[in-house]
Amino acid sequence: MVTAVFVSGEARIKKPTTKTPTKQALPPQIIQFPEDMKILAGQKVEILCKFSGAPPITCTWLKFRKPIQDGSAHSILSSDSSSQLTISSGQQEHCGCYTIELRNSFGVRQAALNLTIVADHHVTSSDKPDPPAKVPAASDIRRSSLTLSWYGPTYDGGSAVQSYNLEIWDSVDQQWTHLVSCNSTSYNVQNLLPERQYKFRVRAQNIYGVGEPSVESEPVTVGLVDDDNQEEAEAEEEDEDSEKEPEYRDVTIRADMKVKELYDVEERLGTGKFGQVFKLVEKSTKKVWAGKFIKAYSAKEKENVRQEIGIMNSLHHPKLVQCVDAFEGKSDIVMVLEMYG
């Protein structure tokens, strides 16, 4: 509506103002939602979705597009900013596609994942990760602590490594005991005693269980170097390391040739649920690598492997196994990895 307003005898046209939505008038936005999940039979399943948007927001969980009722098999707990679906004991009948639908007066949002339940009796030793490659190394040795570093396994058993179990041995007790579980490939060990020798080993763990231990570390004793002298030695070592920057490769997946054109495929090193690992010998240099042959039939499976390669391209570190080449075929993708042993 246009209104004429008289000011000092003059008529001025007052244009209507356009109403803009307030900050509160927002459709639901998903802030956090997990990727596809793989759980061992009998374990608890928790699918958490965090969201924002103008209240009230109605949360509906669906399995294969059918609403899930809160009951004995499933429990649903929702608030103004989150909703969690819990299955107390995951079984084969719980496998499937789970979707959350968020709805308010301003719109609808959805997120979905595939849940896979793995039966215990199907698990074999080859489904568990190989031992971490090479020998765990102690560094930054101080009066009562040290930093232990190790490599990841050459083959993860076909399922991502979830954690590493660190074990310790000392010259007094002379037995291996569990020290800690962690998600990285290094750990700062505290509260060590100077009159003892220590050794360490590491096991990788995935959804199927804990793999065999790595090679034992060399015996080490703390307290031999004063902390101040240690810091000076570290500064000198950093200067030397900066001059020895390793060469890393930014891998692009080859679709125009096969792995056998550049590498000789030799004996099989391991087998898992999602593929196999073979020893590879590069024809041009005779260098030895590990070839991870991953089954990838669908577009989604191939995209997952591409994402893994992309992550490895961005994680260059001397303590991490590097991907140096990759090949894509009709039903698989081959990752060429550093091999230690």
C-alpha atoms as a PDB file:
ATOM      1  CA  MET A   1       0.000   0.000   0.000  1.00  0.00           C
ATOM      2  CA  VAL A   2       1.321   3.476  -0.963  1.00  0.00           C
ATOM      3  CA  THR A   3       0.538   6.343   1.443  1.00  0.00           C
ATOM      4  CA  ALA A   4       0.678  10.102   0.741  1.00  0.00           C
ATOM      5  CA  VAL A   5       2.144  12.098   3.616  1.00  0.00           C
ATOM      6  CA  PHE A   6       1.833  15.931   3.713  1.00  0.00           C
ATOM      7  CA  VAL A   7       4.873  17.717   5.138  1.00  0.00           C
ATOM      8  CA  SER A   8       4.942  21.569   5.132  1.00  0.00           C
ATOM      9  CA  GLY A   9       2.334  21.693   2.411  1.00  0.00           C
ATOM     10  CA  GLU A  10       4.111  19.167   0.167  1.00  0.00           C
ATOM     11  CA  ALA A  11       2.897  15.695  -0.595  1.00  0.00           C
ATOM     12  CA  ARG A  12       5.518  12.964  -0.289  1.00  0.00           C
ATOM     13  CA  ILE A  13       5.043   9.351  -1.224  1.00  0.00           C
ATOM     14  CA  LYS A  14       5.844   6.883   1.548  1.00  0.00           C
ATOM     15  CA  LYS A  15       6.840   3.510   0.104  1.00  0.00           C
ATOM     16  CA  PRO A  16       5.838   0.378   1.954  1.00  0.00           C
ATOM     17  CA  THR A  17       8.614  -1.310   3.893  1.00  0.00           C
ATOM     18  CA  THR A  18       9.504  -4.886   3.025  1.00  0.00           C
ATOM     19  CA  LYS A  19       9.367  -7.239   5.946  1.00  0.00           C
ATOM     20  CA  THR A  20      12.540  -9.266   6.336  1.00  0.00           C
ATOM     21  CA  PRO A  21      12.525 -12.516   8.243  1.00  0.00           C
ATOM     22  CA  THR A  22      13.963 -12.343  11.718  1.00  0.00           C
ATOM     23  CA  LYS A  23      17.021 -14.314  12.671  1.00  0.00           C
ATOM     24  CA  GLN A  24      14.723 -16.767  14.394  1.00  0.00           C
ATOM     25  CA  ALA A  25      12.806 -17.559  11.186  1.00  0.00           C
ATOM     26  CA  LEU A  26      15.262 -20.233  10.059  1.00  0.00           C
ATOM     27  CA  PRO A  27      14.637 -23.738   8.744  1.00  0.00           C
ATOM     28  CA  PRO A  28      16.369 -26.633  10.521  1.00  0.00           C
ATOM     29  CA  GLN A  29      20.120 -26.891   9.926  1.00  0.00           C
ATOM     30  CA  ILE A  30      22.044 -30.104  10.662  1.00  0.00           C
ATOM     31  CA  ILE A  31      25.244 -29.365  12.592  1.00  0.00           C
ATOM     32  CA  GLN A  32      26.446 -32.904  13.324  1.00  0.00           C
ATOM     33  CA  PHE A  33      25.491 -36.324  11.989  1.00  0.00           C
ATOM     34  CA  PRO A  34      27.645 -39.478  11.757  1.00  0.00           C
ATOM     35  CA  GLU A  35      28.853 -41.251   8.630  1.00  0.00           C
ATOM     36  CA  ASP A  36      27.847 -44.832   7.821  1.00  0.00           C
ATOM     37  CA  MET A  37      28.345 -47.066  10.861  1.00  0.00           C
ATOM     38  CA  LYS A  38      29.608 -50.624  11.257  1.00  0.00           C
ATOM     39  CA  ILE A  39      29.004 -52.263  14.643  1.00  0.00           C
ATOM     40  CA  LEU A  40      29.677 -55.715  16.047  1.00  0.00           C
ATOM     41  CA  ALA A  41      26.593 -57.713  17.021  1.00  0.00           C
ATOM     42  CA  GLY A  42      25.598 -57.108  20.631  1.00  0.00           C
ATOM     43  CA  GLN A  43      27.151 -53.655  20.890  1.00  0.00           C
ATOM     44  CA  LYS A  44      25.152 -50.524  21.672  1.00  0.00           C
ATOM     45  CA  VAL A  45      24.311 -48.298  18.697  1.00  0.00           C
ATOM     46  CA  GLU A  46      24.022 -44.540  19.283  1.00  0.00           C
ATOM     47  CA  ILE A  47      23.152 -42.232  16.372  1.00  0.00           C
ATOM     48  CA  LEU A  48      23.328 -38.588  17.475  1.00  0.00           C
ATOM     49  CA  CYS A  49      22.107 -35.640  15.410  1.00  0.00           C
ATOM     50  CA  LYS A  50      22.766 -32.043  16.490  1.00  0.00           C
ATOM     51  CA  PHE A  51      20.851 -29.247  14.796  1.00  0.00           C
ATOM     52  CA  SER A  52      19.769 -25.621  14.950  1.00  0.00           C
ATOM     53  CA  GLY A  53      16.835 -23.585  13.636  1.00  0.00           C
ATOM     54  CA  ALA A  54      13.688 -21.837  14.756  1.00  0.00           C
ATOM     55  CA  PRO A  55      11.762 -23.774  17.403  1.00  0.00           C
ATOM     56  CA  PRO A  56       9.743 -25.823  17.672  1.00  0.00           C
ATOM     57  CA  ILE A  57      11.521 -28.492  15.607  1.00  0.00           C
ATOM     58  CA  THR A  58       9.883 -31.888  15.200  1.00  0.00           C
ATOM     59  CA  CYS A  59      12.302 -34.848  14.982  1.00  0.00           C
ATOM     60  CA  THR A  60      11.245 -38.044  13.227  1.00  0.00           C
ATOM     61  CA  TRP A  61      13.513 -41.085  12.869  1.00  0.00           C
ATOM     62  CA  LEU A  62      12.860 -43.460   9.978  1.00  0.00           C
ATOM     63  CA  LYS A  63      14.198 -46.829   8.858  1.00  0.00           C
ATOM     64  CA  PHE A  64      13.752 -47.496   5.158  1.00  0.00           C
ATOM     65  CA  ARG A  65      11.444 -44.432   5.144  1.00  0.00           C
ATOM     66  CA  LYS A  66       9.119 -45.880   7.791  1.00  0.00           C
ATOM     67  CA  PRO A  67       8.815 -44.007  11.125  1.00  0.00           C
ATOM     68  CA  ILE A  68      10.534 -45.639  14.111  1.00  0.00           C
ATOM     69  CA  GLN A  69       8.540 -45.859  17.303  1.00  0.00           C
ATOM     70  CA  ASP A  70      10.170 -45.288  20.677  1.00  0.00           C
ATOM     71  CA  GLY A  71      10.007 -48.663  22.420  1.00  0.00           C
ATOM     72  CA  SER A  72      11.950 -51.645  23.707  1.00  0.00           C
ATOM     73  CA  ALA A  73      14.081 -52.129  20.571  1.00  0.00           C
ATOM     74  CA  HIS A  74      14.781 -48.433  19.968  1.00  0.00           C
ATOM     75  CA  SER A  75      14.871 -45.454  22.302  1.00  0.00           C
ATOM     76  CA  ILE A  76      14.705 -41.850  21.095  1.00  0.00           C
ATOM     77  CA  LEU A  77      15.756 -38.869  23.203  1.00  0.00           C
ATOM     78  CA  SER A  78      15.222 -35.408  21.693  1.00  0.00           C
ATOM     79  CA  SER A  79      15.784 -31.835  22.870  1.00  0.00           C
ATOM     80  CA  ASP A  80      15.622 -28.374  21.270  1.00  0.00           C
ATOM     81  CA  SER A  81      19.038 -28.889  19.641  1.00  0.00           C
ATOM     82  CA  SER A  82      19.669 -32.638  19.371  1.00  0.00           C
ATOM     83  CA  SER A  83      18.088 -36.037  18.932  1.00  0.00           C
ATOM     84  CA  GLN A  84      19.620 -39.449  19.601  1.00  0.00           C
ATOM     85  CA  LEU A  85      18.446 -42.856  18.450  1.00  0.00           C
ATOM     86  CA  THR A  86      19.781 -45.700  20.609  1.00  0.00           C
ATOM     87  CA  ILE A  87      19.683 -49.447  20.007  1.00  0.00           C
ATOM     88  CA  SER A  88      20.720 -51.207  23.209  1.00  0.00           C
ATOM     89  CA  SER A  89      22.034 -54.343  21.468  1.00  0.00           C
ATOM     90  CA  GLY A  90      22.617 -54.233  17.726  1.00  0.00           C
ATOM     91  CA  GLN A  91      21.532 -57.355  15.823  1.00  0.00           C
ATOM     92  CA  GLN A  92      21.262 -58.356  12.165  1.00  0.00           C
ATOM     93  CA  GLU A  93      17.640 -57.185  11.962  1.00  0.00           C
ATOM     94  CA  HIS A  94      18.780 -53.660  12.845  1.00  0.00           C
ATOM     95  CA  CYS A  95      20.844 -53.308   9.654  1.00  0.00           C
ATOM     96  CA  GLY A  96      19.540 -50.753   7.181  1.00  0.00           C
ATOM     97  CA  CYS A  97      19.251 -47.111   6.198  1.00  0.00           C
ATOM     98  CA  TYR A  98      18.347 -44.753   9.056  1.00  0.00           C
ATOM     99  CA  THR A  99      17.080 -41.235   8.384  1.00  0.00           C
ATOM    100  CA  ILE A 100      16.282 -38.314  10.643  1.00  0.00           C
ATOM    101  CA  GLU A 101      13.762 -35.747   9.432  1.00  0.00           C
ATOM    102  CA  LEU A 102      13.751 -32.303  11.049  1.00  0.00           C
ATOM    103  CA  ARG A 103      10.747 -30.080  10.446  1.00  0.00           C
ATOM    104  CA  ASN A 104       9.636 -26.628  11.588  1.00  0.00           C
ATOM    105  CA  SER A 105       7.450 -23.841  10.186  1.00  0.00           C
ATOM    106  CA  PHE A 106      10.192 -22.726   7.792  1.00  0.00           C
ATOM    107  CA  GLY A 107      11.380 -25.946   6.190  1.00  0.00           C
ATOM    108  CA  VAL A 108      12.482 -29.571   6.341  1.00  0.00           C
ATOM    109  CA  ARG A 109      15.954 -31.144   6.519  1.00  0.00           C
ATOM    110  CA  GLN A 110      17.027 -34.790   6.368  1.00  0.00           C
ATOM    111  CA  ALA A 111      20.199 -36.798   7.001  1.00  0.00           C
ATOM    112  CA  ALA A 112      20.751 -40.533   6.529  1.00  0.00           C
ATOM    113  CA  LEU A 113      23.305 -43.269   7.160  1.00  0.00           C
ATOM    114  CA  ASN A 114      23.660 -46.996   6.560  1.00  0.00           C
ATOM    115  CA  LEU A 115      24.053 -49.204   9.637  1.00  0.00           C
ATOM    116  CA  THR A 116      25.819 -52.554   9.263  1.00  0.00           C
ATOM    117  CA  ILE A 117      25.877 -55.139  12.048  1.00  0.00           C
ATOM    118  CA  VAL A 118      28.716 -57.660  11.835  1.00  0.00           C
ATOM    119  CA  ALA A 119      28.172 -61.065  13.453  1.00  0.00           C
ATOM    120  CA  ASP A 120      30.977 -62.301  15.735  1.00  0.00           C
ATOM    121  CA  HIS A 121      31.169 -65.755  14.169  1.00  0.00           C
ATOM    122  CA  HIS A 122      31.996 -64.224  10.777  1.00  0.00           C
ATOM    123  CA  VAL A 123      35.107 -62.507  12.118  1.00  0.00           C
ATOM    124  CA  THR A 124      38.475 -64.085  11.276  1.00  0.00           C
ATOM    125  CA  SER A 125      42.018 -63.119  12.184  1.00  0.00           C
ATOM    126  CA  SER A 126      42.473 -61.602   8.721  1.00  0.00           C
ATOM    127  CA  ASP A 127      39.704 -59.086   9.503  1.00  0.00           C
ATOM    128  CA  LYS A 128      41.821 -57.627  12.307  1.00  0.00           C
ATOM    129  CA  PRO A 129      44.625 -55.148  11.561  1.00  0.00           C
ATOM    130  CA  ASP A 130      48.155 -56.285  10.834  1.00  0.00           C
ATOM    131  CA  PRO A 131      50.786 -55.402  13.460  1.00  0.00           C
ATOM    132  CA  PRO A 132      51.959 -51.782  13.274  1.00  0.00           C
ATOM    133  CA  ALA A 133      54.839 -51.524  10.810  1.00  0.00           C
ATOM    134  CA  LYS A 134      58.462 -51.121  11.887  1.00  0.00           C
ATOM    135  CA  VAL A 135      59.739 -50.796  15.469  1.00  0.00           C
ATOM    136  CA  PRO A 136      58.192 -48.328  17.963  1.00  0.00           C
ATOM    137  CA  ALA A 137      60.709 -45.567  18.667  1.00  0.00           C
ATOM    138  CA  ALA A 138      61.312 -43.649  21.909  1.00  0.00           C
ATOM    139  CA  SER A 139      62.247 -39.967  21.775  1.00  0.00           C
ATOM    140  CA  ASP A 140      62.196 -36.883  24.013  1.00  0.00           C
ATOM    141  CA  ILE A 141      63.549 -39.033  26.876  1.00  0.00           C
ATOM    142  CA  ARG A 142      63.491 -37.088  30.142  1.00  0.00           C
ATOM    143  CA  ARG A 143      63.791 -37.754  33.880  1.00  0.00           C
ATOM    144  CA  SER A 144      60.541 -39.695  34.174  1.00  0.00           C
ATOM    145  CA  SER A 145      58.909 -39.593  30.746  1.00  0.00           C
ATOM    146  CA  LEU A 146      59.401 -40.244  27.054  1.00  0.00           C
ATOM    147  CA  THR A 147      57.466 -40.004  23.811  1.00  0.00           C
ATOM    148  CA  LEU A 148      56.783 -43.234  21.942  1.00  0.00           C
ATOM    149  CA  SER A 149      56.004 -43.110  18.204  1.00  0.00           C
ATOM    150  CA  TRP A 150      55.015 -45.870  15.800  1.00  0.00           C
ATOM    151  CA  TYR A 151      53.680 -46.523  12.309  1.00  0.00           C
ATOM    152  CA  GLY A 152      50.188 -47.645  11.417  1.00  0.00           C
ATOM    153  CA  PRO A 153      49.614 -51.171  10.076  1.00  0.00           C
ATOM    154  CA  THR A 154      50.310 -51.915   6.425  1.00  0.00           C
ATOM    155  CA  TYR A 155      46.842 -53.483   6.191  1.00  0.00           C
ATOM    156  CA  ASP A 156      43.931 -52.463   8.413  1.00  0.00           C
ATOM    157  CA  GLY A 157      41.873 -55.643   7.940  1.00  0.00           C
ATOM    158  CA  GLY A 158      39.409 -53.936   5.611  1.00  0.00           C
ATOM    159  CA  SER A 159      38.034 -51.658   8.329  1.00  0.00           C
ATOM    160  CA  ALA A 160      39.486 -48.398   9.616  1.00  0.00           C
ATOM    161  CA  VAL A 161      41.782 -48.535  12.647  1.00  0.00           C
ATOM    162  CA  GLN A 162      39.840 -47.155  15.608  1.00  0.00           C
ATOM    163  CA  SER A 163      42.600 -47.055  18.221  1.00  0.00           C
ATOM    164  CA  TYR A 164      46.027 -48.323  19.262  1.00  0.00           C
ATOM    165  CA  ASN A 165      46.700 -50.338  22.422  1.00  0.00           C
ATOM    166  CA  LEU A 166      50.080 -49.563  23.967  1.00  0.00           C
ATOM    167  CA  GLU A 167      51.750 -52.247  26.111  1.00  0.00           C
ATOM    168  CA  ILE A 168      54.724 -51.830  28.458  1.00  0.00           C
ATOM    169  CA  TRP A 169      57.397 -54.151  29.897  1.00  0.00           C
ATOM    170  CA  ASP A 170      59.960 -53.286  32.577  1.00  0.00           C
ATOM    171  CA  SER A 171      63.065 -55.056  33.859  1.00  0.00           C
ATOM    172  CA  VAL A 172      61.658 -55.525  37.379  1.00  0.00           C
ATOM    173  CA  ASP A 173      58.188 -56.982  36.751  1.00  0.00           C
ATOM    174  CA  GLN A 174      59.297 -58.598  33.473  1.00  0.00           C
ATOM    175  CA  GLN A 175      55.812 -59.003  32.041  1.00  0.00           C
ATOM    176  CA  TRP A 176      53.770 -57.230  29.393  1.00  0.00           C
ATOM    177  CA  THR A 177      50.855 -55.143  30.667  1.00  0.00           C
ATOM    178  CA  HIS A 178      48.350 -52.832  29.002  1.00  0.00           C
ATOM    179  CA  LEU A 179      49.340 -49.185  29.415  1.00  0.00           C
ATOM    180  CA  VAL A 180      46.831 -47.087  27.471  1.00  0.00           C
ATOM    181  CA  SER A 181      44.601 -46.901  24.385  1.00  0.00           C
ATOM    182  CA  CYS A 182      44.903 -43.875  22.106  1.00  0.00           C
ATOM    183  CA  ASN A 183      43.848 -42.714  18.639  1.00  0.00           C
ATOM    184  CA  SER A 184      47.145 -41.284  17.383  1.00  0.00           C
ATOM    185  CA  THR A 185      50.486 -42.859  16.437  1.00  0.00           C
ATOM    186  CA  SER A 186      52.407 -41.304  19.320  1.00  0.00           C
ATOM    187  CA  TYR A 187      51.987 -41.089  23.080  1.00  0.00           C
ATOM    188  CA  ASN A 188      53.796 -39.321  25.922  1.00  0.00           C
ATOM    189  CA  VAL A 189      54.492 -41.934  28.613  1.00  0.00           C
ATOM    190  CA  GLN A 190      54.693 -40.470  32.130  1.00  0.00           C
ATOM    191  CA  ASN A 191      55.737 -41.610  35.632  1.00  0.00           C
ATOM    192  CA  LEU A 192      58.601 -43.878  34.573  1.00  0.00           C
ATOM    193  CA  LEU A 193      61.306 -44.854  37.069  1.00  0.00           C
ATOM    194  CA  PRO A 194      65.005 -44.220  36.309  1.00  0.00           C
ATOM    195  CA  GLU A 195      66.298 -47.505  37.758  1.00  0.00           C
ATOM    196  CA  ARG A 196      64.317 -49.647  35.291  1.00  0.00           C
ATOM    197  CA  GLN A 197      64.621 -50.543  31.642  1.00  0.00           C
ATOM    198  CA  TYR A 198      61.445 -50.310  29.591  1.00  0.00           C
ATOM    199  CA  LYS A 199      60.245 -51.845  26.335  1.00  0.00           C
ATOM    200  CA  PHE A 200      57.057 -51.087  24.427  1.00  0.00           C
ATOM    201  CA  ARG A 201      54.890 -52.662  21.755  1.00  0.00           C
ATOM    202  CA  VAL A 202      51.673 -51.579  20.041  1.00  0.00           C
ATOM    203  CA  ARG A 203      48.533 -53.321  18.749  1.00  0.00           C
ATOM    204  CA  ALA A 204      46.075 -51.808  16.262  1.00  0.00           C
ATOM    205  CA  GLN A 205      42.341 -52.232  16.817  1.00  0.00           C
ATOM    206  CA  ASN A 206      39.435 -52.022  14.383  1.00  0.00           C
ATOM    207  CA  ILE A 207      35.786 -52.984  14.663  1.00  0.00           C
ATOM    208  CA  TYR A 208      36.641 -56.684  14.446  1.00  0.00           C
ATOM    209  CA  GLY A 209      39.103 -56.678  17.323  1.00  0.00           C
ATOM    210  CA  VAL A 210      42.728 -56.200  18.335  1.00  0.00           C
ATOM    211  CA  GLY A 211      45.517 -57.347  16.036  1.00  0.00           C
ATOM    212  CA  GLU A 212      48.864 -58.924  16.844  1.00  0.00           C
ATOM    213  CA  PRO A 213      51.522 -56.763  18.551  1.00  0.00           C
ATOM    214  CA  SER A 214      54.249 -54.861  16.764  1.00  0.00           C
ATOM    215  CA  VAL A 215      57.925 -55.665  17.129  1.00  0.00           C
ATOM    216  CA  GLU A 216      59.209 -54.721  20.586  1.00  0.00           C
ATOM    217  CA  SER A 217      60.960 -51.383  20.949  1.00  0.00           C
ATOM    218  CA  GLU A 218      64.603 -51.189  21.927  1.00  0.00           C
ATOM    219  CA  PRO A 219      65.136 -51.149  25.732  1.00  0.00           C
ATOM    220  CA  VAL A 220      65.196 -47.602  27.075  1.00  0.00           C
ATOM    221  CA  THR A 221      66.010 -46.013  30.438  1.00  0.00           C
ATOM    222  CA  VAL A 222      64.794 -42.592  31.558  1.00  0.00           C
ATOM    223  CA  GLY A 223      66.629 -40.066  33.733  1.00  0.00           C
ATOM    224  CA  LEU A 224      69.982 -40.247  31.932  1.00  0.00           C
ATOM    225  CA  VAL A 225      69.695 -36.770  30.383  1.00  0.00           C
ATOM    226  CA  ASP A 226      68.938 -33.560  32.264  1.00  0.00           C
ATOM    227  CA  ASP A 227      65.852 -31.739  30.983  1.00  0.00           C
ATOM    228  CA  ASP A 228      67.788 -28.519  30.185  1.00  0.00           C
ATOM    229  CA  ASN A 229      70.415 -30.401  28.178  1.00  0.00           C
ATOM    230  CA  GLN A 230      67.640 -32.315  26.450  1.00  0.00           C
ATOM    231  CA  GLU A 231      66.046 -29.090  25.205  1.00  0.00           C
ATOM    232  CA  GLU A 232      69.359 -27.941  23.709  1.00  0.00           C
ATOM    233  CA  ALA A 233      69.792 -31.293  21.971  1.00  0.00           C
ATOM    234  CA  GLU A 234      66.253 -31.081  20.601  1.00  0.00           C
ATOM    235  CA  ALA A 235      66.931 -27.646  19.098  1.00  0.00           C
ATOM    236  CA  GLU A 236      70.001 -28.991  17.290  1.00  0.00           C
ATOM    237  CA  GLU A 237      68.076 -32.045  16.095  1.00  0.00           C
ATOM    238  CA  GLU A 238      65.251 -29.881  14.713  1.00  0.00           C
ATOM    239  CA  ASP A 239      67.781 -27.868  12.700  1.00  0.00           C
ATOM    240  CA  GLU A 240      69.154 -31.089  11.202  1.00  0.00           C
ATOM    241  CA  ASP A 241      65.696 -32.488  10.464  1.00  0.00           C
ATOM    242  CA  SER A 242      64.648 -29.308   8.657  1.00  0.00           C
ATOM    243  CA  GLU A 243      67.393 -29.977   6.128  1.00  0.00           C
ATOM    244  CA  LYS A 244      66.117 -33.536   5.520  1.00  0.00           C
ATOM    245  CA  GLU A 245      62.535 -32.884   4.459  1.00  0.00           C
ATOM    246  CA  PRO A 246      61.241 -36.141   2.951  1.00  0.00           C
ATOM    247  CA  GLU A 247      59.679 -36.210  -0.499  1.00  0.00           C
ATOM    248  CA  TYR A 248      55.934 -36.800  -0.522  1.00  0.00           C
ATOM    249  CA  ARG A 249      53.684 -37.544  -3.478  1.00  0.00           C
ATOM    250  CA  ASP A 250      50.334 -35.940  -4.187  1.00  0.00           C
ATOM    251  CA  VAL A 251      48.574 -38.999  -5.593  1.00  0.00           C
ATOM    252  CA  THR A 252      46.123 -38.768  -8.483  1.00  0.00           C
ATOM    253  CA  ILE A 253      44.146 -41.937  -9.175  1.00  0.00           C
ATOM    254  CA  ARG A 254      45.055 -43.437 -12.558  1.00  0.00           C
ATOM    255  CA  ALA A 255      42.091 -44.670 -14.588  1.00  0.00           C
ATOM    256  CA  ASP A 256      43.938 -44.952 -17.907  1.00  0.00           C
ATOM    257  CA  MET A 257      46.235 -47.848 -16.967  1.00  0.00           C
ATOM    258  CA  LYS A 258      46.401 -50.930 -14.772  1.00  0.00           C
ATOM    259  CA  VAL A 259      48.629 -51.483 -11.772  1.00  0.00           C
ATOM    260  CA  LYS A 260      50.335 -54.434 -13.508  1.00  0.00           C
ATOM    261  CA  GLU A 261      51.679 -52.108 -16.196  1.00  0.00           C
ATOM    262  CA  LEU A 262      53.953 -50.388 -13.660  1.00  0.00           C
ATOM    263  CA  TYR A 263      54.287 -52.967 -10.874  1.00  0.00           C
ATOM    264  CA  ASP A 264      54.908 -56.695 -10.593  1.00  0.00           C
ATOM    265  CA  VAL A 265      52.282 -58.216  -8.292  1.00  0.00           C
ATOM    266  CA  GLU A 266      53.892 -60.871  -6.093  1.00  0.00           C
ATOM    267  CA  GLU A 267      52.814 -62.816  -2.997  1.00  0.00           C
ATOM    268  CA  ARG A 268      49.720 -61.999  -0.997  1.00  0.00           C
ATOM    269  CA  LEU A 269      50.456 -60.361   2.362  1.00  0.00           C
ATOM    270  CA  GLY A 270      46.977 -60.274   3.868  1.00  0.00           C
ATOM    271  CA  THR A 271      43.248 -60.679   3.261  1.00  0.00           C
ATOM    272  CA  GLY A 272      40.318 -58.823   4.798  1.00  0.00           C
ATOM    273  CA  LYS A 273      36.606 -58.318   4.348  1.00  0.00           C
ATOM    274  CA  PHE A 274      37.029 -55.497   1.836  1.00  0.00           C
ATOM    275  CA  GLY A 275      40.099 -56.551  -0.089  1.00  0.00           C
ATOM    276  CA  GLN A 276      43.594 -57.991  -0.162  1.00  0.00           C
ATOM    277  CA  VAL A 277      47.170 -56.746   0.151  1.00  0.00           C
ATOM    278  CA  PHE A 278      49.928 -57.935  -2.189  1.00  0.00           C
ATOM    279  CA  LYS A 279      53.637 -57.285  -2.367  1.00  0.00           C
ATOM    280  CA  LEU A 280      54.391 -55.004  -5.333  1.00  0.00           C
ATOM    281  CA  VAL A 281      57.729 -54.423  -7.048  1.00  0.00           C
ATOM    282  CA  GLU A 282      57.981 -51.235  -9.090  1.00  0.00           C
ATOM    283  CA  LYS A 283      59.287 -52.194 -12.532  1.00  0.00           C
ATOM    284  CA  SER A 284      61.287 -49.018 -13.152  1.00  0.00           C
ATOM    285  CA  THR A 285      63.053 -48.773  -9.765  1.00  0.00           C
ATOM    286  CA  LYS A 286      62.709 -52.296  -8.264  1.00  0.00           C
ATOM    287  CA  LYS A 287      61.411 -50.686  -5.075  1.00  0.00           C
ATOM    288  CA  VAL A 288      59.081 -52.821  -2.950  1.00  0.00           C
ATOM    289  CA  TRP A 289      55.630 -51.520  -2.019  1.00  0.00           C
ATOM    290  CA  ALA A 290      52.377 -52.860  -0.579  1.00  0.00           C
ATOM    291  CA  GLY A 291      49.380 -52.966  -2.921  1.00  0.00           C
ATOM    292  CA  LYS A 292      46.014 -52.612  -1.185  1.00  0.00           C
ATOM    293  CA  PHE A 293      43.365 -54.001  -3.587  1.00  0.00           C
ATOM    294  CA  ILE A 294      40.009 -52.668  -2.341  1.00  0.00           C
ATOM    295  CA  LYS A 295      36.695 -54.015  -3.621  1.00  0.00           C
ATOM    296  CA  ALA A 296      34.661 -51.080  -4.943  1.00  0.00           C
ATOM    297  CA  TYR A 297      31.678 -51.977  -7.102  1.00  0.00           C
ATOM    298  CA  SER A 298      29.346 -49.045  -6.495  1.00  0.00           C
ATOM    299  CA  ALA A 299      29.927 -45.338  -7.039  1.00  0.00           C
ATOM    300  CA  LYS A 300      29.638 -44.745  -3.289  1.00  0.00           C
ATOM    301  CA  GLU A 301      32.275 -47.383  -2.477  1.00  0.00           C
ATOM    302  CA  LYS A 302      34.672 -45.809  -4.966  1.00  0.00           C
ATOM    303  CA  GLU A 303      33.995 -42.343  -3.595  1.00  0.00           C
ATOM    304  CA  ASN A 304      34.829 -43.571  -0.076  1.00  0.00           C
ATOM    305  CA  VAL A 305      38.205 -44.845  -1.299  1.00  0.00           C
ATOM    306  CA  ARG A 306      38.857 -41.583  -3.163  1.00  0.00           C
ATOM    307  CA  GLN A 307      38.197 -39.699   0.064  1.00  0.00           C
ATOM    308  CA  GLU A 308      40.645 -41.956   1.922  1.00  0.00           C
ATOM    309  CA  ILE A 309      43.326 -41.227  -0.683  1.00  0.00           C
ATOM    310  CA  GLY A 310      42.549 -37.517  -0.443  1.00  0.00           C
ATOM    311  CA  ILE A 311      43.019 -37.628   3.328  1.00  0.00           C
ATOM    312  CA  MET A 312      46.336 -39.458   2.951  1.00  0.00           C
ATOM    313  CA  ASN A 313      47.460 -36.780   0.470  1.00  0.00           C
ATOM    314  CA  SER A 314      46.946 -34.161   3.182  1.00  0.00           C
ATOM    315  CA  LEU A 315      48.538 -36.139   6.041  1.00  0.00           C
ATOM    316  CA  HIS A 316      52.245 -36.164   5.234  1.00  0.00           C
ATOM    317  CA  HIS A 317      54.325 -37.168   8.244  1.00  0.00           C
ATOM    318  CA  PRO A 318      57.381 -39.423   8.695  1.00  0.00           C
ATOM    319  CA  LYS A 319      55.434 -41.587  11.159  1.00  0.00           C
ATOM    320  CA  LEU A 320      52.491 -42.232   8.818  1.00  0.00           C
ATOM    321  CA  VAL A 321      52.367 -44.788   6.018  1.00  0.00           C
ATOM    322  CA  GLN A 322      52.212 -42.867   2.734  1.00  0.00           C
ATOM    323  CA  CYS A 323      50.178 -43.615  -0.373  1.00  0.00           C
ATOM    324  CA  VAL A 324      52.443 -43.249  -3.428  1.00  0.00           C
ATOM    325  CA  ASP A 325      50.198 -44.343  -6.309  1.00  0.00           C
ATOM    326  CA  ALA A 326      46.619 -45.424  -7.052  1.00  0.00           C
ATOM    327  CA  PHE A 327      44.709 -47.158  -9.848  1.00  0.00           C
ATOM    328  CA  GLU A 328      40.971 -47.424 -10.502  1.00  0.00           C
ATOM    329  CA  GLY A 329      39.393 -50.397 -12.264  1.00  0.00           C
ATOM    330  CA  LYS A 330      35.831 -51.512 -12.938  1.00  0.00           C
ATOM    331  CA  SER A 331      35.373 -53.273  -9.605  1.00  0.00           C
ATOM    332  CA  ASP A 332      38.285 -52.180  -7.430  1.00  0.00           C
ATOM    333  CA  ILE A 333      40.741 -49.440  -6.537  1.00  0.00           C
ATOM    334  CA  VAL A 334      44.390 -50.233  -5.831  1.00  0.00           C
ATOM    335  CA  MET A 335      46.364 -48.118  -3.367  1.00  0.00           C
ATOM    336  CA  VAL A 336      50.163 -48.430  -3.526  1.00  0.00           C
ATOM    337  CA  LEU A 337      51.535 -47.899  -0.019  1.00  0.00           C
ATOM    338  CA  GLU A 338      54.882 -47.790   1.713  1.00  0.00           C
ATOM    339  CA  MET A 339      55.777 -51.186   3.135  1.00  0.00           C
ATOM    340  CA  TYR A 340      57.798 -51.715   6.276  1.00  0.00           C
ATOM    341  CA  GLY A 341      58.981 -54.911   7.778  1.00  0.00           C
END
